[in-house]
Amino acid sequence: MSAHHVNTWTPVLNPEGVKNMSKFVKIAVGALALLSIAAVGGMIREIMRDDGPPY
């Protein structure tokens, strides 16, 4: 590790790294939201199938 090494994870030193991180975070949050919505939808479908007529 040299003193001149720029750490991408340090927001103050590298704005470009922050931009990439926020993009990655947005993608991760979007994927998580889609997954949770799909999971909840699947659960609701299971409950509906148990209570009501089979689809």
PDB file of N, CA and C in Angstrom:
ATOM      1  N   MET A   1       0.851  -1.198   0.000  1.00  0.00           N
ATOM      2  CA  MET A   1       0.000   0.000   0.000  1.00  0.00           C
ATOM      3  C   MET A   1       0.882   1.241   0.000  1.00  0.00           C
ATOM      4  N   SER A   2       0.829   2.004  -1.068  1.00  0.00           N
ATOM      5  CA  SER A   2       1.583   3.251  -1.091  1.00  0.00           C
ATOM      6  C   SER A   2       0.680   4.388  -0.644  1.00  0.00           C
ATOM      7  N   ALA A   3       1.292   5.506  -0.288  1.00  0.00           N
ATOM      8  CA  ALA A   3       0.528   6.648   0.209  1.00  0.00           C
ATOM      9  C   ALA A   3      -0.276   7.288  -0.922  1.00  0.00           C
ATOM     10  N   HIS A   4       0.148   7.017  -2.164  1.00  0.00           N
ATOM     11  CA  HIS A   4      -0.520   7.640  -3.303  1.00  0.00           C
ATOM     12  C   HIS A   4      -1.735   6.843  -3.756  1.00  0.00           C
ATOM     13  N   HIS A   5      -1.947   5.679  -3.147  1.00  0.00           N
ATOM     14  CA  HIS A   5      -3.077   4.833  -3.531  1.00  0.00           C
ATOM     15  C   HIS A   5      -4.393   5.532  -3.174  1.00  0.00           C
ATOM     16  N   VAL A   6      -5.255   5.720  -4.175  1.00  0.00           N
ATOM     17  CA  VAL A   6      -6.551   6.360  -3.934  1.00  0.00           C
ATOM     18  C   VAL A   6      -7.588   5.281  -3.672  1.00  0.00           C
ATOM     19  N   ASN A   7      -8.226   5.354  -2.538  1.00  0.00           N
ATOM     20  CA  ASN A   7      -9.225   4.358  -2.175  1.00  0.00           C
ATOM     21  C   ASN A   7     -10.565   4.734  -2.790  1.00  0.00           C
ATOM     22  N   THR A   8     -11.139   3.832  -3.574  1.00  0.00           N
ATOM     23  CA  THR A   8     -12.409   4.114  -4.246  1.00  0.00           C
ATOM     24  C   THR A   8     -13.548   4.223  -3.256  1.00  0.00           C
ATOM     25  N   TRP A   9     -13.366   3.609  -2.079  1.00  0.00           N
ATOM     26  CA  TRP A   9     -14.457   3.577  -1.104  1.00  0.00           C
ATOM     27  C   TRP A   9     -14.511   4.858  -0.273  1.00  0.00           C
ATOM     28  N   THR A  10     -13.490   5.747  -0.416  1.00  0.00           N
ATOM     29  CA  THR A  10     -13.506   6.981   0.365  1.00  0.00           C
ATOM     30  C   THR A  10     -14.208   8.069  -0.434  1.00  0.00           C
ATOM     31  N   PRO A  11     -15.383   8.494  -0.015  1.00  0.00           N
ATOM     32  CA  PRO A  11     -16.169   9.477  -0.765  1.00  0.00           C
ATOM     33  C   PRO A  11     -15.444  10.802  -0.944  1.00  0.00           C
ATOM     34  N   VAL A  12     -14.697  11.233   0.074  1.00  0.00           N
ATOM     35  CA  VAL A  12     -14.064  12.552   0.024  1.00  0.00           C
ATOM     36  C   VAL A  12     -13.001  12.586  -1.064  1.00  0.00           C
ATOM     37  N   LEU A  13     -12.251  11.501  -1.208  1.00  0.00           N
ATOM     38  CA  LEU A  13     -11.132  11.489  -2.142  1.00  0.00           C
ATOM     39  C   LEU A  13     -11.600  11.238  -3.570  1.00  0.00           C
ATOM     40  N   ASN A  14     -12.642  10.445  -3.744  1.00  0.00           N
ATOM     41  CA  ASN A  14     -12.993  10.003  -5.085  1.00  0.00           C
ATOM     42  C   ASN A  14     -14.492  10.136  -5.363  1.00  0.00           C
ATOM     43  N   PRO A  15     -14.910  11.266  -5.935  1.00  0.00           N
ATOM     44  CA  PRO A  15     -16.331  11.488  -6.255  1.00  0.00           C
ATOM     45  C   PRO A  15     -16.854  10.460  -7.254  1.00  0.00           C
ATOM     46  N   GLU A  16     -15.978  10.012  -8.174  1.00  0.00           N
ATOM     47  CA  GLU A  16     -16.387   9.039  -9.190  1.00  0.00           C
ATOM     48  C   GLU A  16     -16.789   7.728  -8.531  1.00  0.00           C
ATOM     49  N   GLY A  17     -16.044   7.347  -7.497  1.00  0.00           N
ATOM     50  CA  GLY A  17     -16.369   6.131  -6.756  1.00  0.00           C
ATOM     51  C   GLY A  17     -17.726   6.247  -6.096  1.00  0.00           C
ATOM     52  N   VAL A  18     -18.030   7.442  -5.603  1.00  0.00           N
ATOM     53  CA  VAL A  18     -19.321   7.662  -4.947  1.00  0.00           C
ATOM     54  C   VAL A  18     -20.442   7.524  -5.973  1.00  0.00           C
ATOM     55  N   LYS A  19     -20.215   8.067  -7.176  1.00  0.00           N
ATOM     56  CA  LYS A  19     -21.232   7.981  -8.221  1.00  0.00           C
ATOM     57  C   LYS A  19     -21.513   6.520  -8.562  1.00  0.00           C
ATOM     58  N   ASN A  20     -20.440   5.745  -8.714  1.00  0.00           N
ATOM     59  CA  ASN A  20     -20.608   4.327  -9.021  1.00  0.00           C
ATOM     60  C   ASN A  20     -21.304   3.608  -7.875  1.00  0.00           C
ATOM     61  N   MET A  21     -20.947   3.961  -6.640  1.00  0.00           N
ATOM     62  CA  MET A  21     -21.551   3.321  -5.479  1.00  0.00           C
ATOM     63  C   MET A  21     -23.049   3.608  -5.441  1.00  0.00           C
ATOM     64  N   SER A  22     -23.438   4.863  -5.668  1.00  0.00           N
ATOM     65  CA  SER A  22     -24.858   5.206  -5.586  1.00  0.00           C
ATOM     66  C   SER A  22     -25.628   4.470  -6.677  1.00  0.00           C
ATOM     67  N   LYS A  23     -25.006   4.327  -7.861  1.00  0.00           N
ATOM     68  CA  LYS A  23     -25.656   3.578  -8.929  1.00  0.00           C
ATOM     69  C   LYS A  23     -25.848   2.124  -8.505  1.00  0.00           C
ATOM     70  N   PHE A  24     -24.796   1.564  -7.907  1.00  0.00           N
ATOM     71  CA  PHE A  24     -24.868   0.174  -7.448  1.00  0.00           C
ATOM     72  C   PHE A  24     -25.924   0.020  -6.364  1.00  0.00           C
ATOM     73  N   VAL A  25     -25.967   1.008  -5.453  1.00  0.00           N
ATOM     74  CA  VAL A  25     -26.948   0.953  -4.361  1.00  0.00           C
ATOM     75  C   VAL A  25     -28.364   1.017  -4.927  1.00  0.00           C
ATOM     76  N   LYS A  26     -28.574   1.893  -5.916  1.00  0.00           N
ATOM     77  CA  LYS A  26     -29.902   2.007  -6.527  1.00  0.00           C
ATOM     78  C   LYS A  26     -30.311   0.679  -7.159  1.00  0.00           C
ATOM     79  N   ILE A  27     -29.369   0.053  -7.877  1.00  0.00           N
ATOM     80  CA  ILE A  27     -29.659  -1.231  -8.521  1.00  0.00           C
ATOM     81  C   ILE A  27     -29.989  -2.278  -7.470  1.00  0.00           C
ATOM     82  N   ALA A  28     -29.193  -2.292  -6.385  1.00  0.00           N
ATOM     83  CA  ALA A  28     -29.404  -3.288  -5.328  1.00  0.00           C
ATOM     84  C   ALA A  28     -30.765  -3.074  -4.667  1.00  0.00           C
ATOM     85  N   VAL A  29     -31.092  -1.809  -4.384  1.00  0.00           N
ATOM     86  CA  VAL A  29     -32.379  -1.506  -3.740  1.00  0.00           C
ATOM     87  C   VAL A  29     -33.534  -1.888  -4.666  1.00  0.00           C
ATOM     88  N   GLY A  30     -33.387  -1.584  -5.949  1.00  0.00           N
ATOM     89  CA  GLY A  30     -34.425  -1.945  -6.911  1.00  0.00           C
ATOM     90  C   GLY A  30     -34.624  -3.450  -6.980  1.00  0.00           C
ATOM     91  N   ALA A  31     -33.513  -4.195  -7.009  1.00  0.00           N
ATOM     92  CA  ALA A  31     -33.602  -5.658  -7.069  1.00  0.00           C
ATOM     93  C   ALA A  31     -34.270  -6.199  -5.808  1.00  0.00           C
ATOM     94  N   LEU A  32     -33.880  -5.636  -4.656  1.00  0.00           N
ATOM     95  CA  LEU A  32     -34.482  -6.078  -3.392  1.00  0.00           C
ATOM     96  C   LEU A  32     -35.980  -5.799  -3.387  1.00  0.00           C
ATOM     97  N   ALA A  33     -36.362  -4.619  -3.876  1.00  0.00           N
ATOM     98  CA  ALA A  33     -37.781  -4.267  -3.905  1.00  0.00           C
ATOM     99  C   ALA A  33     -38.551  -5.239  -4.796  1.00  0.00           C
ATOM    100  N   LEU A  34     -37.991  -5.538  -5.979  1.00  0.00           N
ATOM    101  CA  LEU A  34     -38.655  -6.475  -6.884  1.00  0.00           C
ATOM    102  C   LEU A  34     -38.790  -7.845  -6.241  1.00  0.00           C
ATOM    103  N   LEU A  35     -37.720  -8.290  -5.567  1.00  0.00           N
ATOM    104  CA  LEU A  35     -37.748  -9.603  -4.919  1.00  0.00           C
ATOM    105  C   LEU A  35     -38.811  -9.647  -3.834  1.00  0.00           C
ATOM    106  N   SER A  36     -38.866  -8.595  -3.009  1.00  0.00           N
ATOM    107  CA  SER A  36     -39.835  -8.600  -1.904  1.00  0.00           C
ATOM    108  C   SER A  36     -41.260  -8.540  -2.448  1.00  0.00           C
ATOM    109  N   ILE A  37     -41.470  -7.757  -3.506  1.00  0.00           N
ATOM    110  CA  ILE A  37     -42.807  -7.677  -4.110  1.00  0.00           C
ATOM    111  C   ILE A  37     -43.212  -9.047  -4.657  1.00  0.00           C
ATOM    112  N   ALA A  38     -42.261  -9.717  -5.324  1.00  0.00           N
ATOM    113  CA  ALA A  38     -42.548 -11.044  -5.876  1.00  0.00           C
ATOM    114  C   ALA A  38     -42.853 -12.030  -4.752  1.00  0.00           C
ATOM    115  N   ALA A  39     -42.091 -11.942  -3.657  1.00  0.00           N
ATOM    116  CA  ALA A  39     -42.298 -12.860  -2.528  1.00  0.00           C
ATOM    117  C   ALA A  39     -43.673 -12.631  -1.908  1.00  0.00           C
ATOM    118  N   VAL A  40     -44.032 -11.355  -1.698  1.00  0.00           N
ATOM    119  CA  VAL A  40     -45.334 -11.036  -1.107  1.00  0.00           C
ATOM    120  C   VAL A  40     -46.453 -11.489  -2.043  1.00  0.00           C
ATOM    121  N   GLY A  41     -46.280 -11.253  -3.346  1.00  0.00           N
ATOM    122  CA  GLY A  41     -47.283 -11.684  -4.315  1.00  0.00           C
ATOM    123  C   GLY A  41     -47.459 -13.192  -4.283  1.00  0.00           C
ATOM    124  N   GLY A  42     -46.354 -13.930  -4.190  1.00  0.00           N
ATOM    125  CA  GLY A  42     -46.432 -15.388  -4.124  1.00  0.00           C
ATOM    126  C   GLY A  42     -47.155 -15.845  -2.871  1.00  0.00           C
ATOM    127  N   MET A  43     -46.863 -15.175  -1.742  1.00  0.00           N
ATOM    128  CA  MET A  43     -47.517 -15.540  -0.484  1.00  0.00           C
ATOM    129  C   MET A  43     -49.023 -15.295  -0.577  1.00  0.00           C
ATOM    130  N   ILE A  44     -49.398 -14.134  -1.130  1.00  0.00           N
ATOM    131  CA  ILE A  44     -50.820 -13.800  -1.260  1.00  0.00           C
ATOM    132  C   ILE A  44     -51.508 -14.831  -2.150  1.00  0.00           C
ATOM    133  N   ARG A  45     -50.824 -15.222  -3.242  1.00  0.00           N
ATOM    134  CA  ARG A  45     -51.409 -16.202  -4.151  1.00  0.00           C
ATOM    135  C   ARG A  45     -51.621 -17.534  -3.433  1.00  0.00           C
ATOM    136  N   GLU A  46     -50.642 -17.924  -2.612  1.00  0.00           N
ATOM    137  CA  GLU A  46     -50.769 -19.172  -1.849  1.00  0.00           C
ATOM    138  C   GLU A  46     -51.970 -19.104  -0.911  1.00  0.00           C
ATOM    139  N   ILE A  47     -52.106 -17.973  -0.200  1.00  0.00           N
ATOM    140  CA  ILE A  47     -53.210 -17.815   0.754  1.00  0.00           C
ATOM    141  C   ILE A  47     -54.548 -17.852   0.009  1.00  0.00           C
ATOM    142  N   MET A  48     -54.617 -17.158  -1.118  1.00  0.00           N
ATOM    143  CA  MET A  48     -55.854 -17.127  -1.894  1.00  0.00           C
ATOM    144  C   MET A  48     -56.201 -18.536  -2.362  1.00  0.00           C
ATOM    145  N   ARG A  49     -55.197 -19.294  -2.782  1.00  0.00           N
ATOM    146  CA  ARG A  49     -55.436 -20.635  -3.295  1.00  0.00           C
ATOM    147  C   ARG A  49     -55.953 -21.539  -2.170  1.00  0.00           C
ATOM    148  N   ASP A  50     -55.435 -21.323  -0.951  1.00  0.00           N
ATOM    149  CA  ASP A  50     -55.870 -22.157   0.174  1.00  0.00           C
ATOM    150  C   ASP A  50     -57.316 -21.843   0.551  1.00  0.00           C
ATOM    151  N   ASP A  51     -57.668 -20.563   0.560  1.00  0.00           N
ATOM    152  CA  ASP A  51     -58.990 -20.165   1.059  1.00  0.00           C
ATOM    153  C   ASP A  51     -60.063 -20.290  -0.018  1.00  0.00           C
ATOM    154  N   GLY A  52     -59.736 -19.818  -1.216  1.00  0.00           N
ATOM    155  CA  GLY A  52     -60.758 -19.727  -2.247  1.00  0.00           C
ATOM    156  C   GLY A  52     -60.685 -20.879  -3.232  1.00  0.00           C
ATOM    157  N   PRO A  53     -61.327 -20.710  -4.382  1.00  0.00           N
ATOM    158  CA  PRO A  53     -61.311 -21.733  -5.432  1.00  0.00           C
ATOM    159  C   PRO A  53     -59.910 -21.863  -6.020  1.00  0.00           C
ATOM    160  N   PRO A  54     -59.522 -23.034  -6.481  1.00  0.00           N
ATOM    161  CA  PRO A  54     -58.189 -23.209  -7.073  1.00  0.00           C
ATOM    162  C   PRO A  54     -58.085 -22.464  -8.401  1.00  0.00           C
ATOM    163  N   TYR A  55     -56.933 -21.841  -8.634  1.00  0.00           N
ATOM    164  CA  TYR A  55     -56.756 -21.086  -9.875  1.00  0.00           C
ATOM    165  C   TYR A  55     -56.030 -21.938 -10.907  1.00  0.00           C
TER     166      TYR A  55
END
